[in-house]
Amino acid sequence: MPERARPLPIGALHDFGLGRHRCIGEHFAWAELMIAAAVVVSRWRLRHSPGHDAAAVREMFSAHPYPGGLTMTPARR
């Protein structure tokens, strides 16, 4: 209900949790992400699509899609 909605406090959402409730697969997930990113950047050159600039985001890094979508143009190396 919109009248009961309130903003979440800073730091309320974390991808892998915090403290003793931390995800046991966090280290594996980050390692897998780094390997996948290394494969992509070794085979593709990513450039900003025409008319789209990089936008600064004031939030903590998290593994979710950016609301503006992917504004990159891939080209084979």
C-alpha atoms as a PDB file:
ATOM      1  CA  MET A   1       0.000   0.000   0.000  1.00  0.00           C
ATOM      2  CA  PRO A   2       1.582   3.297  -1.091  1.00  0.00           C
ATOM      3  CA  GLU A   3       0.507   5.190   2.037  1.00  0.00           C
ATOM      4  CA  ARG A   4       2.407   2.673   4.217  1.00  0.00           C
ATOM      5  CA  ALA A   5       5.524   2.547   2.048  1.00  0.00           C
ATOM      6  CA  ARG A   6       8.694   3.943   3.571  1.00  0.00           C
ATOM      7  CA  PRO A   7      12.249   4.030   2.294  1.00  0.00           C
ATOM      8  CA  LEU A   8      14.618   1.312   3.429  1.00  0.00           C
ATOM      9  CA  PRO A   9      17.522   2.367   5.640  1.00  0.00           C
ATOM     10  CA  ILE A  10      20.969   2.539   4.032  1.00  0.00           C
ATOM     11  CA  GLY A  11      22.567  -0.894   4.049  1.00  0.00           C
ATOM     12  CA  ALA A  12      19.260  -2.767   4.453  1.00  0.00           C
ATOM     13  CA  LEU A  13      19.785  -4.932   1.361  1.00  0.00           C
ATOM     14  CA  HIS A  14      22.958  -6.943   0.841  1.00  0.00           C
ATOM     15  CA  ASP A  15      23.400  -9.577  -1.836  1.00  0.00           C
ATOM     16  CA  PHE A  16      24.977 -12.193   0.412  1.00  0.00           C
ATOM     17  CA  GLY A  17      23.760 -11.141   3.838  1.00  0.00           C
ATOM     18  CA  LEU A  18      25.868 -10.040   6.773  1.00  0.00           C
ATOM     19  CA  GLY A  19      27.281 -11.465   9.974  1.00  0.00           C
ATOM     20  CA  ARG A  20      26.466 -15.020  10.910  1.00  0.00           C
ATOM     21  CA  HIS A  21      23.683 -15.148   8.288  1.00  0.00           C
ATOM     22  CA  ARG A  22      26.193 -14.727   5.464  1.00  0.00           C
ATOM     23  CA  CYS A  23      25.710 -16.928   2.400  1.00  0.00           C
ATOM     24  CA  ILE A  24      28.068 -19.930   2.398  1.00  0.00           C
ATOM     25  CA  GLY A  25      28.377 -19.731  -1.407  1.00  0.00           C
ATOM     26  CA  GLU A  26      29.533 -16.094  -1.515  1.00  0.00           C
ATOM     27  CA  HIS A  27      33.204 -16.824  -2.249  1.00  0.00           C
ATOM     28  CA  PHE A  28      32.319 -19.311  -4.980  1.00  0.00           C
ATOM     29  CA  ALA A  29      29.846 -16.869  -6.559  1.00  0.00           C
ATOM     30  CA  TRP A  30      32.427 -14.045  -6.670  1.00  0.00           C
ATOM     31  CA  ALA A  31      35.095 -16.382  -8.106  1.00  0.00           C
ATOM     32  CA  GLU A  32      32.663 -17.559 -10.776  1.00  0.00           C
ATOM     33  CA  LEU A  33      31.735 -13.952 -11.591  1.00  0.00           C
ATOM     34  CA  MET A  34      35.393 -12.969 -12.011  1.00  0.00           C
ATOM     35  CA  ILE A  35      36.096 -15.916 -14.320  1.00  0.00           C
ATOM     36  CA  ALA A  36      33.043 -15.126 -16.457  1.00  0.00           C
ATOM     37  CA  ALA A  37      34.014 -11.434 -16.655  1.00  0.00           C
ATOM     38  CA  ALA A  38      37.595 -12.358 -17.633  1.00  0.00           C
ATOM     39  CA  VAL A  39      36.319 -14.579 -20.462  1.00  0.00           C
ATOM     40  CA  VAL A  40      34.001 -11.839 -21.759  1.00  0.00           C
ATOM     41  CA  VAL A  41      36.619  -9.080 -21.745  1.00  0.00           C
ATOM     42  CA  SER A  42      39.228 -11.370 -23.339  1.00  0.00           C
ATOM     43  CA  ARG A  43      36.953 -12.028 -26.330  1.00  0.00           C
ATOM     44  CA  TRP A  44      34.897  -8.847 -26.625  1.00  0.00           C
ATOM     45  CA  ARG A  45      35.516  -5.105 -26.589  1.00  0.00           C
ATOM     46  CA  LEU A  46      32.658  -3.259 -24.925  1.00  0.00           C
ATOM     47  CA  ARG A  47      31.969   0.356 -25.844  1.00  0.00           C
ATOM     48  CA  HIS A  48      29.205   2.721 -24.811  1.00  0.00           C
ATOM     49  CA  SER A  49      26.325   2.780 -27.262  1.00  0.00           C
ATOM     50  CA  PRO A  50      25.939   6.095 -29.121  1.00  0.00           C
ATOM     51  CA  GLY A  51      23.946   8.589 -27.081  1.00  0.00           C
ATOM     52  CA  HIS A  52      24.498   6.796 -23.761  1.00  0.00           C
ATOM     53  CA  ASP A  53      26.974   7.996 -21.168  1.00  0.00           C
ATOM     54  CA  ALA A  54      28.160   6.288 -18.017  1.00  0.00           C
ATOM     55  CA  ALA A  55      26.085   7.250 -15.015  1.00  0.00           C
ATOM     56  CA  ALA A  56      27.457   7.470 -11.498  1.00  0.00           C
ATOM     57  CA  VAL A  57      25.544   5.317  -9.046  1.00  0.00           C
ATOM     58  CA  ARG A  58      25.730   6.281  -5.400  1.00  0.00           C
ATOM     59  CA  GLU A  59      24.851   2.821  -4.143  1.00  0.00           C
ATOM     60  CA  MET A  60      27.009  -0.034  -2.957  1.00  0.00           C
ATOM     61  CA  PHE A  61      27.958  -2.547  -5.652  1.00  0.00           C
ATOM     62  CA  SER A  62      25.485  -5.369  -5.993  1.00  0.00           C
ATOM     63  CA  ALA A  63      24.933  -8.071  -8.540  1.00  0.00           C
ATOM     64  CA  HIS A  64      21.658  -6.952 -10.087  1.00  0.00           C
ATOM     65  CA  PRO A  65      20.780  -5.397 -13.461  1.00  0.00           C
ATOM     66  CA  TYR A  66      21.095  -1.627 -13.693  1.00  0.00           C
ATOM     67  CA  PRO A  67      17.618  -0.070 -14.178  1.00  0.00           C
ATOM     68  CA  GLY A  68      18.766   1.814 -17.283  1.00  0.00           C
ATOM     69  CA  GLY A  69      19.638  -1.434 -19.067  1.00  0.00           C
ATOM     70  CA  LEU A  70      22.796  -2.429 -20.896  1.00  0.00           C
ATOM     71  CA  THR A  71      24.050   0.539 -22.915  1.00  0.00           C
ATOM     72  CA  MET A  72      27.144  -1.150 -24.321  1.00  0.00           C
ATOM     73  CA  THR A  73      27.903  -2.279 -27.852  1.00  0.00           C
ATOM     74  CA  PRO A  74      29.974  -5.483 -28.046  1.00  0.00           C
ATOM     75  CA  ALA A  75      32.555  -6.024 -30.799  1.00  0.00           C
ATOM     76  CA  ARG A  76      34.732  -9.121 -31.257  1.00  0.00           C
ATOM     77  CA  ARG A  77      38.430  -8.622 -30.562  1.00  0.00           C
END
